[in-house]
Amino acid sequence: MRKGILEYCILSIIDQQESYTSDILETLKKANLLVVEGTVYPLLTRLKNNGILAYRWEESPQGPPRKYFCLTDEGHELLSQLQEEWSAIRQSIDLIKQP
């Protein structure tokens, strides 16, 4: 379940703006979702290989070029599906919590 939620969170972050891996990790950290690079990098690679993400290289003023990720059309479709699933899960949990 956590893996699916992490994928949803990452796609949501990238949907807001093209993102560099460090930016994604920082946003997750600010949301109290402590995730290490060793978890995020393979997930980003899998999403890219599955056609969900695309990337572009941008020169960095400090160090090597950076890879910025964006959603593909398939990525937008997947994010929409995940948003619907999340909404359904929230509704189910809210029903369970009602007295």
PDB file of N, CA and C in Angstrom:
ATOM      1  N   MET A   1       0.831  -1.189   0.000  1.00  0.00           N
ATOM      2  CA  MET A   1       0.000   0.000   0.000  1.00  0.00           C
ATOM      3  C   MET A   1       0.880   1.258   0.000  1.00  0.00           C
ATOM      4  N   ARG A   2       1.936   1.236   0.811  1.00  0.00           N
ATOM      5  CA  ARG A   2       2.826   2.394   0.893  1.00  0.00           C
ATOM      6  C   ARG A   2       3.471   2.682  -0.458  1.00  0.00           C
ATOM      7  N   LYS A   3       3.851   1.613  -1.188  1.00  0.00           N
ATOM      8  CA  LYS A   3       4.476   1.790  -2.498  1.00  0.00           C
ATOM      9  C   LYS A   3       3.534   2.534  -3.438  1.00  0.00           C
ATOM     10  N   GLY A   4       2.250   2.143  -3.457  1.00  0.00           N
ATOM     11  CA  GLY A   4       1.278   2.806  -4.310  1.00  0.00           C
ATOM     12  C   GLY A   4       1.059   4.246  -3.914  1.00  0.00           C
ATOM     13  N   ILE A   5       1.052   4.502  -2.626  1.00  0.00           N
ATOM     14  CA  ILE A   5       0.873   5.869  -2.136  1.00  0.00           C
ATOM     15  C   ILE A   5       2.089   6.720  -2.504  1.00  0.00           C
ATOM     16  N   LEU A   6       3.273   6.145  -2.390  1.00  0.00           N
ATOM     17  CA  LEU A   6       4.488   6.874  -2.746  1.00  0.00           C
ATOM     18  C   LEU A   6       4.481   7.228  -4.231  1.00  0.00           C
ATOM     19  N   GLU A   7       4.082   6.292  -5.067  1.00  0.00           N
ATOM     20  CA  GLU A   7       3.996   6.554  -6.499  1.00  0.00           C
ATOM     21  C   GLU A   7       3.007   7.697  -6.769  1.00  0.00           C
ATOM     22  N   TYR A   8       1.867   7.657  -6.110  1.00  0.00           N
ATOM     23  CA  TYR A   8       0.853   8.707  -6.256  1.00  0.00           C
ATOM     24  C   TYR A   8       1.415  10.062  -5.820  1.00  0.00           C
ATOM     25  N   CYS A   9       2.108  10.086  -4.688  1.00  0.00           N
ATOM     26  CA  CYS A   9       2.689  11.342  -4.189  1.00  0.00           C
ATOM     27  C   CYS A   9       3.728  11.896  -5.161  1.00  0.00           C
ATOM     28  N   ILE A  10       4.586  11.039  -5.668  1.00  0.00           N
ATOM     29  CA  ILE A  10       5.638  11.483  -6.596  1.00  0.00           C
ATOM     30  C   ILE A  10       5.027  12.023  -7.884  1.00  0.00           C
ATOM     31  N   LEU A  11       4.047  11.314  -8.425  1.00  0.00           N
ATOM     32  CA  LEU A  11       3.396  11.802  -9.646  1.00  0.00           C
ATOM     33  C   LEU A  11       2.686  13.132  -9.390  1.00  0.00           C
ATOM     34  N   SER A  12       2.100  13.289  -8.214  1.00  0.00           N
ATOM     35  CA  SER A  12       1.428  14.548  -7.870  1.00  0.00           C
ATOM     36  C   SER A  12       2.425  15.700  -7.782  1.00  0.00           C
ATOM     37  N   ILE A  13       3.587  15.431  -7.213  1.00  0.00           N
ATOM     38  CA  ILE A  13       4.633  16.458  -7.117  1.00  0.00           C
ATOM     39  C   ILE A  13       5.087  16.878  -8.510  1.00  0.00           C
ATOM     40  N   ILE A  14       5.360  15.897  -9.351  1.00  0.00           N
ATOM     41  CA  ILE A  14       5.854  16.187 -10.701  1.00  0.00           C
ATOM     42  C   ILE A  14       4.771  16.862 -11.542  1.00  0.00           C
ATOM     43  N   ASP A  15       3.509  16.537 -11.284  1.00  0.00           N
ATOM     44  CA  ASP A  15       2.413  17.161 -12.024  1.00  0.00           C
ATOM     45  C   ASP A  15       2.355  18.665 -11.754  1.00  0.00           C
ATOM     46  N   GLN A  16       2.733  19.085 -10.556  1.00  0.00           N
ATOM     47  CA  GLN A  16       2.700  20.503 -10.203  1.00  0.00           C
ATOM     48  C   GLN A  16       3.770  21.291 -10.956  1.00  0.00           C
ATOM     49  N   GLN A  17       4.944  20.651 -11.133  1.00  0.00           N
ATOM     50  CA  GLN A  17       6.020  21.270 -11.908  1.00  0.00           C
ATOM     51  C   GLN A  17       7.102  20.236 -12.173  1.00  0.00           C
ATOM     52  N   GLU A  18       7.844  20.428 -13.269  1.00  0.00           N
ATOM     53  CA  GLU A  18       8.966  19.540 -13.540  1.00  0.00           C
ATOM     54  C   GLU A  18       9.849  19.504 -12.308  1.00  0.00           C
ATOM     55  N   SER A  19      10.340  18.322 -11.949  1.00  0.00           N
ATOM     56  CA  SER A  19      11.056  18.194 -10.681  1.00  0.00           C
ATOM     57  C   SER A  19      12.341  17.410 -10.811  1.00  0.00           C
ATOM     58  N   TYR A  20      13.311  17.853 -10.070  1.00  0.00           N
ATOM     59  CA  TYR A  20      14.596  17.191  -9.897  1.00  0.00           C
ATOM     60  C   TYR A  20      14.452  16.253  -8.696  1.00  0.00           C
ATOM     61  N   THR A  21      15.166  15.155  -8.680  1.00  0.00           N
ATOM     62  CA  THR A  21      15.006  14.159  -7.627  1.00  0.00           C
ATOM     63  C   THR A  21      15.160  14.756  -6.230  1.00  0.00           C
ATOM     64  N   SER A  22      16.113  15.618  -6.033  1.00  0.00           N
ATOM     65  CA  SER A  22      16.299  16.243  -4.713  1.00  0.00           C
ATOM     66  C   SER A  22      15.084  17.067  -4.307  1.00  0.00           C
ATOM     67  N   ASP A  23      14.454  17.726  -5.286  1.00  0.00           N
ATOM     68  CA  ASP A  23      13.241  18.501  -4.996  1.00  0.00           C
ATOM     69  C   ASP A  23      12.102  17.578  -4.564  1.00  0.00           C
ATOM     70  N   ILE A  24      11.990  16.435  -5.217  1.00  0.00           N
ATOM     71  CA  ILE A  24      10.962  15.455  -4.873  1.00  0.00           C
ATOM     72  C   ILE A  24      11.180  14.962  -3.448  1.00  0.00           C
ATOM     73  N   LEU A  25      12.419  14.601  -3.130  1.00  0.00           N
ATOM     74  CA  LEU A  25      12.737  14.125  -1.787  1.00  0.00           C
ATOM     75  C   LEU A  25      12.454  15.188  -0.736  1.00  0.00           C
ATOM     76  N   GLU A  26      12.770  16.434  -1.027  1.00  0.00           N
ATOM     77  CA  GLU A  26      12.530  17.527  -0.081  1.00  0.00           C
ATOM     78  C   GLU A  26      11.026  17.734   0.148  1.00  0.00           C
ATOM     79  N   THR A  27      10.247  17.673  -0.918  1.00  0.00           N
ATOM     80  CA  THR A  27       8.793  17.825  -0.782  1.00  0.00           C
ATOM     81  C   THR A  27       8.209  16.688   0.051  1.00  0.00           C
ATOM     82  N   LEU A  28       8.663  15.462  -0.188  1.00  0.00           N
ATOM     83  CA  LEU A  28       8.201  14.320   0.598  1.00  0.00           C
ATOM     84  C   LEU A  28       8.585  14.477   2.063  1.00  0.00           C
ATOM     85  N   LYS A  29       9.796  14.964   2.298  1.00  0.00           N
ATOM     86  CA  LYS A  29      10.265  15.175   3.668  1.00  0.00           C
ATOM     87  C   LYS A  29       9.407  16.219   4.376  1.00  0.00           C
ATOM     88  N   LYS A  30       9.083  17.317   3.694  1.00  0.00           N
ATOM     89  CA  LYS A  30       8.247  18.363   4.290  1.00  0.00           C
ATOM     90  C   LYS A  30       6.856  17.836   4.639  1.00  0.00           C
ATOM     91  N   ALA A  31       6.418  16.804   3.916  1.00  0.00           N
ATOM     92  CA  ALA A  31       5.103  16.200   4.179  1.00  0.00           C
ATOM     93  C   ALA A  31       5.208  15.047   5.182  1.00  0.00           C
ATOM     94  N   ASN A  32       6.363  14.931   5.826  1.00  0.00           N
ATOM     95  CA  ASN A  32       6.619  13.866   6.808  1.00  0.00           C
ATOM     96  C   ASN A  32       6.578  12.470   6.204  1.00  0.00           C
ATOM     97  N   LEU A  33       6.851  12.359   4.923  1.00  0.00           N
ATOM     98  CA  LEU A  33       7.008  11.068   4.267  1.00  0.00           C
ATOM     99  C   LEU A  33       8.506  10.872   4.048  1.00  0.00           C
ATOM    100  N   LEU A  34       9.145  10.326   5.041  1.00  0.00           N
ATOM    101  CA  LEU A  34      10.592  10.175   4.984  1.00  0.00           C
ATOM    102  C   LEU A  34      10.954   9.005   4.083  1.00  0.00           C
ATOM    103  N   VAL A  35      11.531   9.341   2.952  1.00  0.00           N
ATOM    104  CA  VAL A  35      11.901   8.365   1.939  1.00  0.00           C
ATOM    105  C   VAL A  35      13.351   8.616   1.563  1.00  0.00           C
ATOM    106  N   VAL A  36      14.102   7.568   1.351  1.00  0.00           N
ATOM    107  CA  VAL A  36      15.511   7.710   0.990  1.00  0.00           C
ATOM    108  C   VAL A  36      15.683   7.665  -0.522  1.00  0.00           C
ATOM    109  N   GLU A  37      16.807   8.180  -0.977  1.00  0.00           N
ATOM    110  CA  GLU A  37      17.100   8.204  -2.411  1.00  0.00           C
ATOM    111  C   GLU A  37      17.037   6.809  -3.018  1.00  0.00           C
ATOM    112  N   GLY A  38      17.484   5.821  -2.257  1.00  0.00           N
ATOM    113  CA  GLY A  38      17.506   4.443  -2.743  1.00  0.00           C
ATOM    114  C   GLY A  38      16.130   3.891  -3.034  1.00  0.00           C
ATOM    115  N   THR A  39      15.100   4.541  -2.542  1.00  0.00           N
ATOM    116  CA  THR A  39      13.722   4.144  -2.840  1.00  0.00           C
ATOM    117  C   THR A  39      13.185   4.932  -4.031  1.00  0.00           C
ATOM    118  N   VAL A  40      13.510   6.209  -4.093  1.00  0.00           N
ATOM    119  CA  VAL A  40      12.951   7.084  -5.112  1.00  0.00           C
ATOM    120  C   VAL A  40      13.584   6.860  -6.484  1.00  0.00           C
ATOM    121  N   TYR A  41      14.903   6.736  -6.554  1.00  0.00           N
ATOM    122  CA  TYR A  41      15.566   6.577  -7.849  1.00  0.00           C
ATOM    123  C   TYR A  41      15.050   5.371  -8.635  1.00  0.00           C
ATOM    124  N   PRO A  42      14.955   4.179  -8.032  1.00  0.00           N
ATOM    125  CA  PRO A  42      14.417   3.041  -8.793  1.00  0.00           C
ATOM    126  C   PRO A  42      12.970   3.247  -9.223  1.00  0.00           C
ATOM    127  N   LEU A  43      12.177   3.904  -8.383  1.00  0.00           N
ATOM    128  CA  LEU A  43      10.787   4.173  -8.727  1.00  0.00           C
ATOM    129  C   LEU A  43      10.705   5.121  -9.925  1.00  0.00           C
ATOM    130  N   LEU A  44      11.512   6.162  -9.924  1.00  0.00           N
ATOM    131  CA  LEU A  44      11.534   7.096 -11.049  1.00  0.00           C
ATOM    132  C   LEU A  44      11.992   6.395 -12.334  1.00  0.00           C
ATOM    133  N   THR A  45      12.981   5.533 -12.210  1.00  0.00           N
ATOM    134  CA  THR A  45      13.474   4.792 -13.376  1.00  0.00           C
ATOM    135  C   THR A  45      12.388   3.877 -13.923  1.00  0.00           C
ATOM    136  N   ARG A  46      11.682   3.174 -13.046  1.00  0.00           N
ATOM    137  CA  ARG A  46      10.609   2.279 -13.481  1.00  0.00           C
ATOM    138  C   ARG A  46       9.501   3.070 -14.172  1.00  0.00           C
ATOM    139  N   LEU A  47       9.118   4.199 -13.594  1.00  0.00           N
ATOM    140  CA  LEU A  47       8.075   5.029 -14.190  1.00  0.00           C
ATOM    141  C   LEU A  47       8.508   5.567 -15.558  1.00  0.00           C
ATOM    142  N   LYS A  48       9.775   5.930 -15.666  1.00  0.00           N
ATOM    143  CA  LYS A  48      10.303   6.404 -16.959  1.00  0.00           C
ATOM    144  C   LYS A  48      10.289   5.271 -17.973  1.00  0.00           C
ATOM    145  N   ASN A  49      10.758   4.096 -17.576  1.00  0.00           N
ATOM    146  CA  ASN A  49      10.806   2.949 -18.479  1.00  0.00           C
ATOM    147  C   ASN A  49       9.415   2.489 -18.912  1.00  0.00           C
ATOM    148  N   ASN A  50       8.410   2.742 -18.076  1.00  0.00           N
ATOM    149  CA  ASN A  50       7.035   2.365 -18.399  1.00  0.00           C
ATOM    150  C   ASN A  50       6.284   3.461 -19.156  1.00  0.00           C
ATOM    151  N   GLY A  51       6.976   4.536 -19.504  1.00  0.00           N
ATOM    152  CA  GLY A  51       6.364   5.592 -20.295  1.00  0.00           C
ATOM    153  C   GLY A  51       5.497   6.552 -19.505  1.00  0.00           C
ATOM    154  N   ILE A  52       5.603   6.511 -18.174  1.00  0.00           N
ATOM    155  CA  ILE A  52       4.808   7.380 -17.302  1.00  0.00           C
ATOM    156  C   ILE A  52       5.486   8.739 -17.138  1.00  0.00           C
ATOM    157  N   LEU A  53       6.802   8.729 -17.123  1.00  0.00           N
ATOM    158  CA  LEU A  53       7.596   9.947 -16.970  1.00  0.00           C
ATOM    159  C   LEU A  53       8.513  10.130 -18.166  1.00  0.00           C
ATOM    160  N   ALA A  54       8.828  11.381 -18.430  1.00  0.00           N
ATOM    161  CA  ALA A  54       9.881  11.760 -19.367  1.00  0.00           C
ATOM    162  C   ALA A  54      10.828  12.661 -18.588  1.00  0.00           C
ATOM    163  N   TYR A  55      11.982  12.951 -19.160  1.00  0.00           N
ATOM    164  CA  TYR A  55      12.913  13.839 -18.469  1.00  0.00           C
ATOM    165  C   TYR A  55      13.690  14.669 -19.464  1.00  0.00           C
ATOM    166  N   ARG A  56      14.284  15.708 -18.934  1.00  0.00           N
ATOM    167  CA  ARG A  56      15.192  16.558 -19.714  1.00  0.00           C
ATOM    168  C   ARG A  56      16.379  16.890 -18.824  1.00  0.00           C
ATOM    169  N   TRP A  57      17.510  17.090 -19.442  1.00  0.00           N
ATOM    170  CA  TRP A  57      18.715  17.471 -18.706  1.00  0.00           C
ATOM    171  C   TRP A  57      18.825  18.986 -18.667  1.00  0.00           C
ATOM    172  N   GLU A  58      19.258  19.503 -17.525  1.00  0.00           N
ATOM    173  CA  GLU A  58      19.479  20.941 -17.391  1.00  0.00           C
ATOM    174  C   GLU A  58      20.817  21.150 -16.693  1.00  0.00           C
ATOM    175  N   GLU A  59      21.618  22.051 -17.240  1.00  0.00           N
ATOM    176  CA  GLU A  59      22.901  22.353 -16.621  1.00  0.00           C
ATOM    177  C   GLU A  59      22.681  22.921 -15.225  1.00  0.00           C
ATOM    178  N   SER A  60      23.564  22.563 -14.325  1.00  0.00           N
ATOM    179  CA  SER A  60      23.464  23.036 -12.950  1.00  0.00           C
ATOM    180  C   SER A  60      24.613  23.996 -12.661  1.00  0.00           C
ATOM    181  N   PRO A  61      24.325  25.085 -11.951  1.00  0.00           N
ATOM    182  CA  PRO A  61      25.407  26.005 -11.598  1.00  0.00           C
ATOM    183  C   PRO A  61      26.358  25.385 -10.574  1.00  0.00           C
ATOM    184  N   GLN A  62      25.891  24.323  -9.900  1.00  0.00           N
ATOM    185  CA  GLN A  62      26.693  23.659  -8.872  1.00  0.00           C
ATOM    186  C   GLN A  62      26.747  22.165  -9.160  1.00  0.00           C
ATOM    187  N   GLY A  63      27.744  21.733  -9.899  1.00  0.00           N
ATOM    188  CA  GLY A  63      27.902  20.304 -10.131  1.00  0.00           C
ATOM    189  C   GLY A  63      27.405  19.848 -11.488  1.00  0.00           C
ATOM    190  N   PRO A  64      27.125  18.545 -11.581  1.00  0.00           N
ATOM    191  CA  PRO A  64      26.743  17.957 -12.873  1.00  0.00           C
ATOM    192  C   PRO A  64      25.338  18.376 -13.307  1.00  0.00           C
ATOM    193  N   PRO A  65      25.007  18.138 -14.581  1.00  0.00           N
ATOM    194  CA  PRO A  65      23.658  18.455 -15.055  1.00  0.00           C
ATOM    195  C   PRO A  65      22.600  17.703 -14.247  1.00  0.00           C
ATOM    196  N   ARG A  66      21.400  18.257 -14.204  1.00  0.00           N
ATOM    197  CA  ARG A  66      20.312  17.659 -13.432  1.00  0.00           C
ATOM    198  C   ARG A  66      19.234  17.116 -14.374  1.00  0.00           C
ATOM    199  N   LYS A  67      18.645  16.015 -13.960  1.00  0.00           N
ATOM    200  CA  LYS A  67      17.569  15.387 -14.718  1.00  0.00           C
ATOM    201  C   LYS A  67      16.243  15.838 -14.112  1.00  0.00           C
ATOM    202  N   TYR A  68      15.446  16.572 -14.900  1.00  0.00           N
ATOM    203  CA  TYR A  68      14.141  17.042 -14.462  1.00  0.00           C
ATOM    204  C   TYR A  68      13.056  16.167 -15.088  1.00  0.00           C
ATOM    205  N   PHE A  69      12.161  15.667 -14.241  1.00  0.00           N
ATOM    206  CA  PHE A  69      11.107  14.767 -14.681  1.00  0.00           C
ATOM    207  C   PHE A  69       9.809  15.519 -14.919  1.00  0.00           C
ATOM    208  N   CYS A  70       9.032  15.037 -15.893  1.00  0.00           N
ATOM    209  CA  CYS A  70       7.684  15.534 -16.160  1.00  0.00           C
ATOM    210  C   CYS A  70       6.805  14.343 -16.516  1.00  0.00           C
ATOM    211  N   LEU A  71       5.494  14.547 -16.429  1.00  0.00           N
ATOM    212  CA  LEU A  71       4.554  13.484 -16.759  1.00  0.00           C
ATOM    213  C   LEU A  71       4.330  13.425 -18.259  1.00  0.00           C
ATOM    214  N   THR A  72       4.210  12.204 -18.779  1.00  0.00           N
ATOM    215  CA  THR A  72       3.806  12.006 -20.166  1.00  0.00           C
ATOM    216  C   THR A  72       2.274  11.981 -20.197  1.00  0.00           C
ATOM    217  N   ASP A  73       1.694  11.819 -21.371  1.00  0.00           N
ATOM    218  CA  ASP A  73       0.235  11.669 -21.457  1.00  0.00           C
ATOM    219  C   ASP A  73      -0.216  10.455 -20.647  1.00  0.00           C
ATOM    220  N   GLU A  74       0.556   9.360 -20.741  1.00  0.00           N
ATOM    221  CA  GLU A  74       0.241   8.161 -19.961  1.00  0.00           C
ATOM    222  C   GLU A  74       0.365   8.446 -18.463  1.00  0.00           C
ATOM    223  N   GLY A  75       1.313   9.289 -18.103  1.00  0.00           N
ATOM    224  CA  GLY A  75       1.491   9.672 -16.711  1.00  0.00           C
ATOM    225  C   GLY A  75       0.303  10.451 -16.181  1.00  0.00           C
ATOM    226  N   HIS A  76      -0.223  11.351 -17.000  1.00  0.00           N
ATOM    227  CA  HIS A  76      -1.408  12.114 -16.589  1.00  0.00           C
ATOM    228  C   HIS A  76      -2.604  11.182 -16.417  1.00  0.00           C
ATOM    229  N   GLU A  77      -2.729  10.199 -17.306  1.00  0.00           N
ATOM    230  CA  GLU A  77      -3.825   9.223 -17.192  1.00  0.00           C
ATOM    231  C   GLU A  77      -3.682   8.411 -15.907  1.00  0.00           C
ATOM    232  N   LEU A  78      -2.465   7.935 -15.628  1.00  0.00           N
ATOM    233  CA  LEU A  78      -2.232   7.159 -14.414  1.00  0.00           C
ATOM    234  C   LEU A  78      -2.519   7.993 -13.170  1.00  0.00           C
ATOM    235  N   LEU A  79      -2.075   9.237 -13.159  1.00  0.00           N
ATOM    236  CA  LEU A  79      -2.319  10.101 -12.017  1.00  0.00           C
ATOM    237  C   LEU A  79      -3.821  10.292 -11.802  1.00  0.00           C
ATOM    238  N   SER A  80      -4.559  10.456 -12.866  1.00  0.00           N
ATOM    239  CA  SER A  80      -6.008  10.602 -12.758  1.00  0.00           C
ATOM    240  C   SER A  80      -6.635   9.343 -12.145  1.00  0.00           C
ATOM    241  N   GLN A  81      -6.182   8.169 -12.574  1.00  0.00           N
ATOM    242  CA  GLN A  81      -6.680   6.908 -12.016  1.00  0.00           C
ATOM    243  C   GLN A  81      -6.337   6.796 -10.539  1.00  0.00           C
ATOM    244  N   LEU A  82      -5.108   7.163 -10.191  1.00  0.00           N
ATOM    245  CA  LEU A  82      -4.688   7.090  -8.791  1.00  0.00           C
ATOM    246  C   LEU A  82      -5.483   8.060  -7.925  1.00  0.00           C
ATOM    247  N   GLN A  83      -5.811   9.232  -8.475  1.00  0.00           N
ATOM    248  CA  GLN A  83      -6.611  10.205  -7.725  1.00  0.00           C
ATOM    249  C   GLN A  83      -8.004   9.647  -7.452  1.00  0.00           C
ATOM    250  N   GLU A  84      -8.584   8.986  -8.439  1.00  0.00           N
ATOM    251  CA  GLU A  84      -9.898   8.371  -8.253  1.00  0.00           C
ATOM    252  C   GLU A  84      -9.837   7.261  -7.204  1.00  0.00           C
ATOM    253  N   GLU A  85      -8.806   6.428  -7.282  1.00  0.00           N
ATOM    254  CA  GLU A  85      -8.651   5.343  -6.311  1.00  0.00           C
ATOM    255  C   GLU A  85      -8.450   5.892  -4.902  1.00  0.00           C
ATOM    256  N   TRP A  86      -7.642   6.942  -4.782  1.00  0.00           N
ATOM    257  CA  TRP A  86      -7.399   7.548  -3.471  1.00  0.00           C
ATOM    258  C   TRP A  86      -8.694   8.111  -2.899  1.00  0.00           C
ATOM    259  N   SER A  87      -9.473   8.760  -3.733  1.00  0.00           N
ATOM    260  CA  SER A  87     -10.750   9.310  -3.289  1.00  0.00           C
ATOM    261  C   SER A  87     -11.677   8.197  -2.803  1.00  0.00           C
ATOM    262  N   ALA A  88     -11.718   7.094  -3.519  1.00  0.00           N
ATOM    263  CA  ALA A  88     -12.570   5.961  -3.123  1.00  0.00           C
ATOM    264  C   ALA A  88     -12.093   5.362  -1.799  1.00  0.00           C
ATOM    265  N   ILE A  89     -10.784   5.250  -1.627  1.00  0.00           N
ATOM    266  CA  ILE A  89     -10.231   4.714  -0.376  1.00  0.00           C
ATOM    267  C   ILE A  89     -10.580   5.642   0.786  1.00  0.00           C
ATOM    268  N   ARG A  90     -10.424   6.938   0.587  1.00  0.00           N
ATOM    269  CA  ARG A  90     -10.760   7.910   1.643  1.00  0.00           C
ATOM    270  C   ARG A  90     -12.228   7.814   2.033  1.00  0.00           C
ATOM    271  N   GLN A  91     -13.100   7.692   1.044  1.00  0.00           N
ATOM    272  CA  GLN A  91     -14.530   7.569   1.338  1.00  0.00           C
ATOM    273  C   GLN A  91     -14.806   6.305   2.130  1.00  0.00           C
ATOM    274  N   SER A  92     -14.180   5.210   1.771  1.00  0.00           N
ATOM    275  CA  SER A  92     -14.366   3.946   2.501  1.00  0.00           C
ATOM    276  C   SER A  92     -13.898   4.075   3.938  1.00  0.00           C
ATOM    277  N   ILE A  93     -12.747   4.676   4.124  1.00  0.00           N
ATOM    278  CA  ILE A  93     -12.213   4.846   5.483  1.00  0.00           C
ATOM    279  C   ILE A  93     -13.112   5.773   6.304  1.00  0.00           C
ATOM    280  N   ASP A  94     -13.594   6.831   5.672  1.00  0.00           N
ATOM    281  CA  ASP A  94     -14.506   7.740   6.388  1.00  0.00           C
ATOM    282  C   ASP A  94     -15.775   7.015   6.820  1.00  0.00           C
ATOM    283  N   LEU A  95     -16.284   6.118   5.973  1.00  0.00           N
ATOM    284  CA  LEU A  95     -17.472   5.335   6.349  1.00  0.00           C
ATOM    285  C   LEU A  95     -17.179   4.417   7.527  1.00  0.00           C
ATOM    286  N   ILE A  96     -16.026   3.823   7.540  1.00  0.00           N
ATOM    287  CA  ILE A  96     -15.639   2.928   8.641  1.00  0.00           C
ATOM    288  C   ILE A  96     -15.512   3.711   9.937  1.00  0.00           C
ATOM    289  N   LYS A  97     -15.009   4.918   9.878  1.00  0.00           N
ATOM    290  CA  LYS A  97     -14.772   5.724  11.069  1.00  0.00           C
ATOM    291  C   LYS A  97     -16.046   6.317  11.652  1.00  0.00           C
ATOM    292  N   GLN A  98     -17.117   6.372  10.864  1.00  0.00           N
ATOM    293  CA  GLN A  98     -18.370   6.949  11.367  1.00  0.00           C
ATOM    294  C   GLN A  98     -18.977   6.042  12.435  1.00  0.00           C
ATOM    295  N   PRO A  99     -19.530   6.661  13.491  1.00  0.00           N
ATOM    296  CA  PRO A  99     -20.154   5.846  14.553  1.00  0.00           C
ATOM    297  C   PRO A  99     -21.427   5.166  14.089  1.00  0.00           C
TER     298      PRO A  99
END
